[in-house]
Amino acid sequence: MRHEVLTWNDIDHLMDALLPQLKGPFDALVMITRGGIVPGGLISEALDIKVVLTAAVDFPLDLAPAKLLAWPEFLQFPDEKLLAGRRILLVDDVWGSGRTITAVKNRVEAAQGFPELCVLHYNPSRTLFTNAWPSYYAAITDARIIYPWEIDRTGGLEGVLAAPPETN
């Protein structure tokens, strides 16, 4: 798989492409950890979204052939009262398989919220969902994206990352 290592300048360009698409106002923003923290913070600041929440989702890795069918574990999720009846912008860095952001979307809908999905990169060749895609995205890619916040800053750039991030 092809890799792209992005710079902070690349992130600025992606935000310039993404922000004009976002049709606010949004009642709240949910950043999906960890990848959605940086773009979510940038978006919340640019759009003056004051209610900023986080969701953390984990998928078991020890299920070998059935791992894509694993049920998500929500490590952290906003209280339903903060979501009900509200227009919620869900933010992550990349839509690869789409499992993580779709799991969060489904949980927001179950709480009677109205989610809209936002990512920096959309990878339609990897998605597991043929009838779902992000509401907003800055770029389409078929590469594995390495964001500037993923670079190992502890001991140089050997291998670019200290350990490759797990992709869902």
N, C-alpha and C. Protein backbone atom coordinates (compact mmCIF):
# COMPACT_ATOMS: atom_id res chain seq x y z
N MET A 1 0.85 -1.18 0.00
CA MET A 1 0.00 0.00 0.00
C MET A 1 0.89 1.25 0.00
N ARG A 2 0.52 2.18 -0.79
CA ARG A 2 1.24 3.45 -0.88
C ARG A 2 1.04 4.26 0.40
N HIS A 3 2.08 4.97 0.82
CA HIS A 3 2.04 5.81 2.02
C HIS A 3 2.22 7.27 1.63
N GLU A 4 1.56 8.15 2.35
CA GLU A 4 1.78 9.58 2.21
C GLU A 4 2.04 10.15 3.60
N VAL A 5 3.16 10.84 3.75
CA VAL A 5 3.50 11.49 5.00
C VAL A 5 3.16 12.97 4.84
N LEU A 6 2.23 13.46 5.64
CA LEU A 6 1.77 14.84 5.51
C LEU A 6 2.50 15.77 6.46
N THR A 7 2.54 17.03 6.07
CA THR A 7 3.11 18.09 6.90
C THR A 7 1.97 18.93 7.48
N TRP A 8 2.31 19.81 8.40
CA TRP A 8 1.30 20.72 8.94
C TRP A 8 0.78 21.65 7.85
N ASN A 9 1.61 21.99 6.88
CA ASN A 9 1.17 22.81 5.75
C ASN A 9 0.12 22.05 4.94
N ASP A 10 0.31 20.74 4.77
CA ASP A 10 -0.70 19.91 4.08
C ASP A 10 -2.03 19.94 4.84
N ILE A 11 -1.96 19.92 6.16
CA ILE A 11 -3.17 19.97 6.98
C ILE A 11 -3.89 21.30 6.77
N ASP A 12 -3.13 22.39 6.70
CA ASP A 12 -3.73 23.71 6.41
C ASP A 12 -4.50 23.68 5.10
N HIS A 13 -3.91 23.07 4.07
CA HIS A 13 -4.59 23.00 2.76
C HIS A 13 -5.85 22.13 2.83
N LEU A 14 -5.76 21.03 3.56
CA LEU A 14 -6.94 20.18 3.72
C LEU A 14 -8.06 20.92 4.45
N MET A 15 -7.70 21.67 5.48
CA MET A 15 -8.71 22.45 6.22
C MET A 15 -9.31 23.52 5.32
N ASP A 16 -8.49 24.14 4.47
CA ASP A 16 -9.01 25.13 3.52
C ASP A 16 -10.02 24.51 2.56
N ALA A 17 -9.84 23.24 2.22
CA ALA A 17 -10.79 22.55 1.34
C ALA A 17 -12.03 22.09 2.09
N LEU A 18 -11.86 21.77 3.36
CA LEU A 18 -12.95 21.19 4.15
C LEU A 18 -13.90 22.23 4.73
N LEU A 19 -13.37 23.29 5.31
CA LEU A 19 -14.21 24.25 6.05
C LEU A 19 -15.33 24.87 5.22
N PRO A 20 -15.11 25.25 3.97
CA PRO A 20 -16.23 25.83 3.21
C PRO A 20 -17.38 24.86 2.96
N GLN A 21 -17.12 23.56 3.05
CA GLN A 21 -18.17 22.56 2.85
C GLN A 21 -19.13 22.48 4.03
N LEU A 22 -18.64 22.78 5.21
CA LEU A 22 -19.40 22.54 6.45
C LEU A 22 -20.53 23.54 6.57
N LYS A 23 -21.72 23.05 6.49
CA LYS A 23 -22.91 23.89 6.53
C LYS A 23 -23.48 23.91 7.94
N GLY A 24 -23.01 24.84 8.74
CA GLY A 24 -23.45 24.97 10.12
C GLY A 24 -24.77 25.69 10.21
N PRO A 25 -25.22 26.00 11.39
CA PRO A 25 -24.51 25.75 12.64
C PRO A 25 -24.71 24.32 13.13
N PHE A 26 -23.73 23.86 13.89
CA PHE A 26 -23.80 22.56 14.55
C PHE A 26 -23.98 22.82 16.03
N ASP A 27 -24.77 21.98 16.67
CA ASP A 27 -25.00 22.13 18.11
C ASP A 27 -23.84 21.60 18.93
N ALA A 28 -23.11 20.64 18.37
CA ALA A 28 -21.97 20.06 19.07
C ALA A 28 -21.06 19.38 18.07
N LEU A 29 -19.84 19.12 18.51
CA LEU A 29 -18.86 18.39 17.70
C LEU A 29 -18.35 17.24 18.54
N VAL A 30 -18.30 16.05 17.95
CA VAL A 30 -17.74 14.88 18.63
C VAL A 30 -16.47 14.49 17.90
N MET A 31 -15.34 14.59 18.61
CA MET A 31 -14.05 14.18 18.07
C MET A 31 -13.86 12.70 18.41
N ILE A 32 -13.52 11.91 17.39
CA ILE A 32 -13.29 10.50 17.61
C ILE A 32 -11.80 10.31 17.88
N THR A 33 -11.50 9.79 19.07
CA THR A 33 -10.09 9.66 19.45
C THR A 33 -9.46 8.50 18.70
N ARG A 34 -8.22 8.64 18.43
CA ARG A 34 -7.35 9.77 18.66
C ARG A 34 -7.24 10.61 17.41
N GLY A 35 -7.46 10.02 16.26
CA GLY A 35 -7.25 10.73 15.01
C GLY A 35 -8.08 11.98 14.81
N GLY A 36 -9.26 12.04 15.40
CA GLY A 36 -10.13 13.18 15.21
C GLY A 36 -9.86 14.35 16.13
N ILE A 37 -8.93 14.20 17.07
CA ILE A 37 -8.70 15.27 18.05
C ILE A 37 -8.15 16.52 17.39
N VAL A 38 -7.12 16.40 16.56
CA VAL A 38 -6.53 17.59 15.94
C VAL A 38 -7.48 18.23 14.93
N PRO A 39 -8.00 17.48 13.95
CA PRO A 39 -8.93 18.14 13.02
C PRO A 39 -10.19 18.64 13.72
N GLY A 40 -10.67 17.92 14.73
CA GLY A 40 -11.85 18.37 15.47
C GLY A 40 -11.59 19.68 16.19
N GLY A 41 -10.42 19.81 16.79
CA GLY A 41 -10.07 21.06 17.46
C GLY A 41 -9.98 22.22 16.48
N LEU A 42 -9.38 21.98 15.32
CA LEU A 42 -9.27 23.02 14.30
C LEU A 42 -10.65 23.45 13.79
N ILE A 43 -11.51 22.47 13.56
CA ILE A 43 -12.85 22.77 13.06
C ILE A 43 -13.67 23.50 14.12
N SER A 44 -13.61 23.03 15.37
CA SER A 44 -14.41 23.68 16.43
C SER A 44 -13.99 25.14 16.60
N GLU A 45 -12.70 25.40 16.49
CA GLU A 45 -12.21 26.78 16.60
C GLU A 45 -12.66 27.62 15.41
N ALA A 46 -12.52 27.08 14.20
CA ALA A 46 -12.88 27.83 13.00
C ALA A 46 -14.37 28.12 12.92
N LEU A 47 -15.21 27.18 13.37
CA LEU A 47 -16.66 27.34 13.28
C LEU A 47 -17.27 27.84 14.59
N ASP A 48 -16.44 28.08 15.59
CA ASP A 48 -16.88 28.56 16.89
C ASP A 48 -17.91 27.61 17.52
N ILE A 49 -17.62 26.32 17.43
CA ILE A 49 -18.46 25.31 18.07
C ILE A 49 -18.00 25.18 19.51
N LYS A 50 -18.88 25.49 20.45
CA LYS A 50 -18.51 25.54 21.86
C LYS A 50 -18.65 24.21 22.59
N VAL A 51 -19.58 23.37 22.14
CA VAL A 51 -19.78 22.07 22.77
C VAL A 51 -18.94 21.04 22.00
N VAL A 52 -17.80 20.66 22.60
CA VAL A 52 -16.86 19.74 21.98
C VAL A 52 -16.75 18.51 22.88
N LEU A 53 -17.08 17.36 22.31
CA LEU A 53 -17.14 16.10 23.06
C LEU A 53 -16.20 15.08 22.42
N THR A 54 -15.95 13.98 23.11
CA THR A 54 -15.11 12.93 22.55
C THR A 54 -15.78 11.58 22.64
N ALA A 55 -15.41 10.74 21.67
CA ALA A 55 -15.83 9.34 21.67
C ALA A 55 -14.59 8.50 21.40
N ALA A 56 -14.43 7.45 22.17
CA ALA A 56 -13.32 6.52 21.98
C ALA A 56 -13.90 5.14 21.73
N VAL A 57 -13.48 4.54 20.63
CA VAL A 57 -14.00 3.24 20.21
C VAL A 57 -12.84 2.28 20.01
N ASP A 58 -13.04 1.04 20.43
CA ASP A 58 -12.03 0.02 20.23
C ASP A 58 -12.68 -1.20 19.60
N PHE A 59 -11.96 -1.81 18.69
CA PHE A 59 -12.39 -3.07 18.09
C PHE A 59 -11.38 -4.13 18.49
N PRO A 60 -11.82 -5.29 19.00
CA PRO A 60 -10.89 -6.35 19.39
C PRO A 60 -10.01 -6.75 18.21
N LEU A 61 -8.72 -6.94 18.48
CA LEU A 61 -7.77 -7.31 17.43
C LEU A 61 -7.47 -8.79 17.39
N ASP A 62 -7.96 -9.54 18.37
CA ASP A 62 -7.58 -10.94 18.48
C ASP A 62 -8.59 -11.91 17.86
N LEU A 63 -9.40 -11.42 16.96
CA LEU A 63 -10.42 -12.28 16.37
C LEU A 63 -10.03 -12.78 14.99
N ALA A 64 -8.77 -12.59 14.60
CA ALA A 64 -8.19 -13.04 13.33
C ALA A 64 -9.15 -12.89 12.15
N PRO A 65 -9.66 -13.99 11.55
CA PRO A 65 -10.43 -13.84 10.32
C PRO A 65 -11.73 -13.05 10.49
N ALA A 66 -12.29 -13.07 11.68
CA ALA A 66 -13.57 -12.39 11.90
C ALA A 66 -13.40 -10.98 12.44
N LYS A 67 -12.17 -10.43 12.45
CA LYS A 67 -11.95 -9.15 13.12
C LYS A 67 -12.77 -8.00 12.53
N LEU A 68 -13.08 -8.04 11.25
CA LEU A 68 -13.88 -6.97 10.66
C LEU A 68 -15.34 -7.04 11.10
N LEU A 69 -15.73 -8.17 11.66
CA LEU A 69 -17.10 -8.34 12.13
C LEU A 69 -17.23 -8.07 13.63
N ALA A 70 -16.13 -7.70 14.27
CA ALA A 70 -16.13 -7.50 15.72
C ALA A 70 -17.07 -6.38 16.13
N TRP A 71 -17.69 -6.56 17.28
CA TRP A 71 -18.57 -5.55 17.86
C TRP A 71 -17.71 -4.48 18.53
N PRO A 72 -18.01 -3.20 18.33
CA PRO A 72 -17.17 -2.16 18.92
C PRO A 72 -17.36 -2.06 20.43
N GLU A 73 -16.28 -1.69 21.10
CA GLU A 73 -16.34 -1.38 22.53
C GLU A 73 -16.16 0.13 22.65
N PHE A 74 -17.12 0.78 23.28
CA PHE A 74 -17.03 2.22 23.49
C PHE A 74 -16.32 2.47 24.81
N LEU A 75 -15.11 2.99 24.72
CA LEU A 75 -14.32 3.27 25.90
C LEU A 75 -14.75 4.58 26.55
N GLN A 76 -15.26 5.47 25.73
CA GLN A 76 -15.75 6.78 26.20
C GLN A 76 -16.81 7.24 25.21
N PHE A 77 -17.88 7.81 25.73
CA PHE A 77 -18.93 8.32 24.84
C PHE A 77 -19.74 9.38 25.59
N PRO A 78 -20.16 10.44 24.87
CA PRO A 78 -20.94 11.50 25.53
C PRO A 78 -22.28 10.98 26.05
N ASP A 79 -22.75 11.62 27.10
CA ASP A 79 -24.06 11.31 27.66
C ASP A 79 -25.13 11.59 26.61
N GLU A 80 -26.12 10.73 26.55
CA GLU A 80 -27.19 10.86 25.54
C GLU A 80 -27.89 12.22 25.62
N LYS A 81 -27.99 12.80 26.81
CA LYS A 81 -28.66 14.10 26.96
C LYS A 81 -27.93 15.20 26.19
N LEU A 82 -26.64 15.03 25.97
CA LEU A 82 -25.87 16.02 25.22
C LEU A 82 -26.05 15.89 23.71
N LEU A 83 -26.67 14.78 23.27
CA LEU A 83 -26.81 14.49 21.85
C LEU A 83 -28.25 14.58 21.35
N ALA A 84 -29.20 14.27 22.21
CA ALA A 84 -30.60 14.16 21.80
C ALA A 84 -31.11 15.45 21.18
N GLY A 85 -31.70 15.31 20.00
CA GLY A 85 -32.31 16.44 19.31
C GLY A 85 -31.33 17.45 18.75
N ARG A 86 -30.04 17.12 18.75
CA ARG A 86 -29.02 18.08 18.30
C ARG A 86 -28.35 17.63 17.01
N ARG A 87 -27.94 18.62 16.25
CA ARG A 87 -27.15 18.39 15.04
C ARG A 87 -25.69 18.28 15.47
N ILE A 88 -25.10 17.09 15.24
CA ILE A 88 -23.78 16.76 15.75
C ILE A 88 -22.82 16.53 14.59
N LEU A 89 -21.69 17.22 14.60
CA LEU A 89 -20.64 16.98 13.62
C LEU A 89 -19.65 15.97 14.22
N LEU A 90 -19.53 14.80 13.59
CA LEU A 90 -18.59 13.77 14.01
C LEU A 90 -17.32 13.94 13.19
N VAL A 91 -16.16 14.00 13.86
CA VAL A 91 -14.90 14.27 13.17
C VAL A 91 -13.88 13.19 13.47
N ASP A 92 -13.28 12.66 12.40
CA ASP A 92 -12.15 11.74 12.50
C ASP A 92 -11.15 12.13 11.42
N ASP A 93 -9.95 11.56 11.48
CA ASP A 93 -8.96 11.93 10.48
C ASP A 93 -9.20 11.25 9.14
N VAL A 94 -9.51 9.96 9.17
CA VAL A 94 -9.64 9.22 7.91
C VAL A 94 -10.80 8.23 7.98
N TRP A 95 -11.46 8.07 6.86
CA TRP A 95 -12.46 7.00 6.69
C TRP A 95 -11.75 5.93 5.87
N GLY A 96 -11.28 4.89 6.55
CA GLY A 96 -10.68 3.74 5.87
C GLY A 96 -11.78 2.72 5.67
N SER A 97 -11.90 1.79 6.59
CA SER A 97 -12.99 0.81 6.52
C SER A 97 -14.33 1.48 6.82
N GLY A 98 -14.29 2.56 7.61
CA GLY A 98 -15.52 3.25 8.00
C GLY A 98 -16.15 2.70 9.27
N ARG A 99 -15.57 1.66 9.85
CA ARG A 99 -16.19 1.03 11.02
C ARG A 99 -16.29 1.97 12.22
N THR A 100 -15.23 2.69 12.52
CA THR A 100 -15.22 3.51 13.73
C THR A 100 -16.24 4.63 13.66
N ILE A 101 -16.19 5.44 12.61
CA ILE A 101 -17.09 6.59 12.53
C ILE A 101 -18.54 6.13 12.35
N THR A 102 -18.74 4.99 11.70
CA THR A 102 -20.10 4.47 11.54
C THR A 102 -20.65 3.97 12.87
N ALA A 103 -19.80 3.35 13.68
CA ALA A 103 -20.24 2.91 15.02
C ALA A 103 -20.66 4.11 15.86
N VAL A 104 -19.88 5.20 15.79
CA VAL A 104 -20.21 6.41 16.54
C VAL A 104 -21.50 7.03 15.99
N LYS A 105 -21.63 7.08 14.68
CA LYS A 105 -22.85 7.62 14.05
C LYS A 105 -24.08 6.86 14.53
N ASN A 106 -24.00 5.54 14.54
CA ASN A 106 -25.14 4.73 14.96
C ASN A 106 -25.50 4.99 16.42
N ARG A 107 -24.51 5.18 17.24
CA ARG A 107 -24.78 5.44 18.66
C ARG A 107 -25.38 6.83 18.86
N VAL A 108 -24.94 7.82 18.08
CA VAL A 108 -25.53 9.17 18.15
C VAL A 108 -26.99 9.10 17.69
N GLU A 109 -27.25 8.38 16.62
CA GLU A 109 -28.64 8.23 16.15
C GLU A 109 -29.50 7.52 17.19
N ALA A 110 -28.95 6.53 17.87
CA ALA A 110 -29.70 5.82 18.92
C ALA A 110 -30.03 6.76 20.07
N ALA A 111 -29.20 7.79 20.26
CA ALA A 111 -29.45 8.79 21.30
C ALA A 111 -30.37 9.91 20.79
N GLN A 112 -30.94 9.74 19.60
CA GLN A 112 -31.85 10.71 18.98
C GLN A 112 -31.14 11.98 18.52
N GLY A 113 -29.82 11.86 18.24
CA GLY A 113 -29.07 12.97 17.67
C GLY A 113 -29.06 12.88 16.16
N PHE A 114 -28.59 13.94 15.51
CA PHE A 114 -28.55 14.01 14.05
C PHE A 114 -27.10 14.19 13.61
N PRO A 115 -26.39 13.06 13.39
CA PRO A 115 -24.96 13.15 13.08
C PRO A 115 -24.69 13.45 11.61
N GLU A 116 -23.61 14.21 11.39
CA GLU A 116 -23.05 14.41 10.07
C GLU A 116 -21.57 14.05 10.19
N LEU A 117 -21.06 13.32 9.20
CA LEU A 117 -19.73 12.72 9.30
C LEU A 117 -18.70 13.53 8.53
N CYS A 118 -17.57 13.79 9.17
CA CYS A 118 -16.53 14.64 8.60
C CYS A 118 -15.17 14.00 8.81
N VAL A 119 -14.39 13.87 7.72
CA VAL A 119 -13.03 13.34 7.80
C VAL A 119 -12.12 14.16 6.89
N LEU A 120 -10.85 14.10 7.17
CA LEU A 120 -9.89 14.74 6.27
C LEU A 120 -9.74 13.92 4.99
N HIS A 121 -9.61 12.60 5.14
CA HIS A 121 -9.41 11.72 3.98
C HIS A 121 -10.46 10.62 3.93
N TYR A 122 -10.98 10.40 2.73
CA TYR A 122 -11.95 9.33 2.47
C TYR A 122 -11.28 8.34 1.52
N ASN A 123 -11.27 7.06 1.92
CA ASN A 123 -10.66 6.02 1.11
C ASN A 123 -11.76 5.06 0.64
N PRO A 124 -12.42 5.36 -0.49
CA PRO A 124 -13.54 4.51 -0.93
C PRO A 124 -13.12 3.09 -1.31
N SER A 125 -11.85 2.87 -1.61
CA SER A 125 -11.41 1.52 -1.97
C SER A 125 -11.33 0.59 -0.76
N ARG A 126 -11.28 1.15 0.46
CA ARG A 126 -11.18 0.34 1.68
C ARG A 126 -12.48 0.23 2.45
N THR A 127 -13.46 1.06 2.12
CA THR A 127 -14.67 1.09 2.94
C THR A 127 -15.41 -0.24 2.93
N LEU A 128 -16.00 -0.55 4.06
CA LEU A 128 -16.83 -1.75 4.19
C LEU A 128 -18.30 -1.44 3.92
N PHE A 129 -18.61 -0.17 3.69
CA PHE A 129 -19.99 0.27 3.58
C PHE A 129 -20.26 0.78 2.17
N THR A 130 -21.12 0.09 1.44
CA THR A 130 -21.41 0.51 0.07
C THR A 130 -22.48 1.60 0.01
N ASN A 131 -23.27 1.72 1.07
CA ASN A 131 -24.34 2.73 1.08
C ASN A 131 -24.10 3.82 2.11
N ALA A 132 -22.86 4.00 2.53
CA ALA A 132 -22.54 5.05 3.50
C ALA A 132 -21.19 5.64 3.15
N TRP A 133 -21.05 6.92 3.43
CA TRP A 133 -19.82 7.65 3.18
C TRP A 133 -19.86 8.92 4.00
N PRO A 134 -18.73 9.61 4.14
CA PRO A 134 -18.75 10.83 4.95
C PRO A 134 -19.58 11.94 4.31
N SER A 135 -20.22 12.74 5.15
CA SER A 135 -20.96 13.90 4.66
C SER A 135 -20.00 14.94 4.09
N TYR A 136 -18.82 15.05 4.72
CA TYR A 136 -17.81 16.03 4.33
C TYR A 136 -16.44 15.38 4.37
N TYR A 137 -15.62 15.67 3.36
CA TYR A 137 -14.23 15.21 3.37
C TYR A 137 -13.40 16.18 2.54
N ALA A 138 -12.11 16.26 2.89
CA ALA A 138 -11.22 17.20 2.21
C ALA A 138 -10.56 16.57 0.99
N ALA A 139 -10.30 15.26 1.03
CA ALA A 139 -9.61 14.61 -0.08
C ALA A 139 -9.98 13.13 -0.14
N ILE A 140 -9.87 12.58 -1.33
CA ILE A 140 -10.03 11.14 -1.56
C ILE A 140 -8.64 10.56 -1.74
N THR A 141 -8.42 9.39 -1.17
CA THR A 141 -7.10 8.77 -1.27
C THR A 141 -7.22 7.26 -1.35
N ASP A 142 -6.16 6.64 -1.85
CA ASP A 142 -6.04 5.19 -1.76
C ASP A 142 -4.78 4.82 -0.97
N ALA A 143 -4.14 5.82 -0.38
CA ALA A 143 -2.89 5.64 0.36
C ALA A 143 -3.15 5.51 1.86
N ARG A 144 -2.16 4.98 2.55
CA ARG A 144 -2.15 5.03 4.00
C ARG A 144 -1.56 6.38 4.37
N ILE A 145 -2.34 7.20 5.05
CA ILE A 145 -1.94 8.56 5.39
C ILE A 145 -1.25 8.57 6.75
N ILE A 146 -0.13 9.25 6.82
CA ILE A 146 0.57 9.45 8.08
C ILE A 146 0.51 10.95 8.36
N TYR A 147 -0.26 11.30 9.38
CA TYR A 147 -0.48 12.70 9.73
C TYR A 147 0.69 13.22 10.57
N PRO A 148 0.89 14.54 10.58
CA PRO A 148 2.04 15.08 11.32
C PRO A 148 1.97 14.79 12.83
N TRP A 149 0.79 14.60 13.38
CA TRP A 149 0.68 14.30 14.81
C TRP A 149 0.97 12.82 15.10
N GLU A 150 1.18 12.00 14.07
CA GLU A 150 1.51 10.59 14.27
C GLU A 150 3.01 10.32 14.19
N ILE A 151 3.79 11.30 13.83
CA ILE A 151 5.23 11.12 13.67
C ILE A 151 5.87 10.96 15.04
N ASP A 152 6.75 9.99 15.14
CA ASP A 152 7.48 9.73 16.39
C ASP A 152 8.47 10.86 16.64
N ARG A 153 8.27 11.59 17.72
CA ARG A 153 9.15 12.71 18.04
C ARG A 153 10.12 12.36 19.17
N THR A 154 10.18 11.07 19.53
CA THR A 154 11.04 10.70 20.66
C THR A 154 12.45 10.32 20.26
N GLY A 155 12.66 9.88 19.03
CA GLY A 155 14.00 9.43 18.69
C GLY A 155 14.30 9.49 17.21
N GLY A 156 13.86 10.52 16.55
CA GLY A 156 14.12 10.63 15.11
C GLY A 156 12.98 10.05 14.32
N LEU A 157 13.23 9.88 13.05
CA LEU A 157 12.17 9.43 12.15
C LEU A 157 12.38 8.01 11.63
N GLU A 158 13.15 7.21 12.35
CA GLU A 158 13.37 5.85 11.89
C GLU A 158 12.03 5.14 11.76
N GLY A 159 11.72 4.75 10.56
CA GLY A 159 10.44 4.10 10.31
C GLY A 159 9.27 5.06 10.36
N VAL A 160 9.50 6.33 10.46
CA VAL A 160 8.52 7.42 10.55
C VAL A 160 7.72 7.35 11.83
N LEU A 161 7.20 6.20 12.19
CA LEU A 161 6.39 6.07 13.40
C LEU A 161 7.07 5.14 14.39
N ALA A 162 6.84 5.39 15.67
CA ALA A 162 7.36 4.49 16.69
C ALA A 162 6.75 3.10 16.50
N ALA A 163 5.48 3.06 16.24
CA ALA A 163 4.77 1.82 15.93
C ALA A 163 3.63 2.20 15.01
N PRO A 164 3.38 1.39 13.98
CA PRO A 164 2.29 1.76 13.08
C PRO A 164 0.96 1.77 13.80
N PRO A 165 0.13 2.79 13.55
CA PRO A 165 -1.18 2.83 14.21
C PRO A 165 -2.07 1.72 13.71
N GLU A 166 -2.92 1.25 14.57
CA GLU A 166 -3.89 0.24 14.19
C GLU A 166 -4.95 0.91 13.34
N THR A 167 -5.34 0.28 12.24
CA THR A 167 -6.37 0.85 11.38
C THR A 167 -7.64 0.06 11.53
N ASN A 168 -8.73 0.78 11.67
CA ASN A 168 -10.04 0.13 11.81
C ASN A 168 -10.77 0.22 10.53
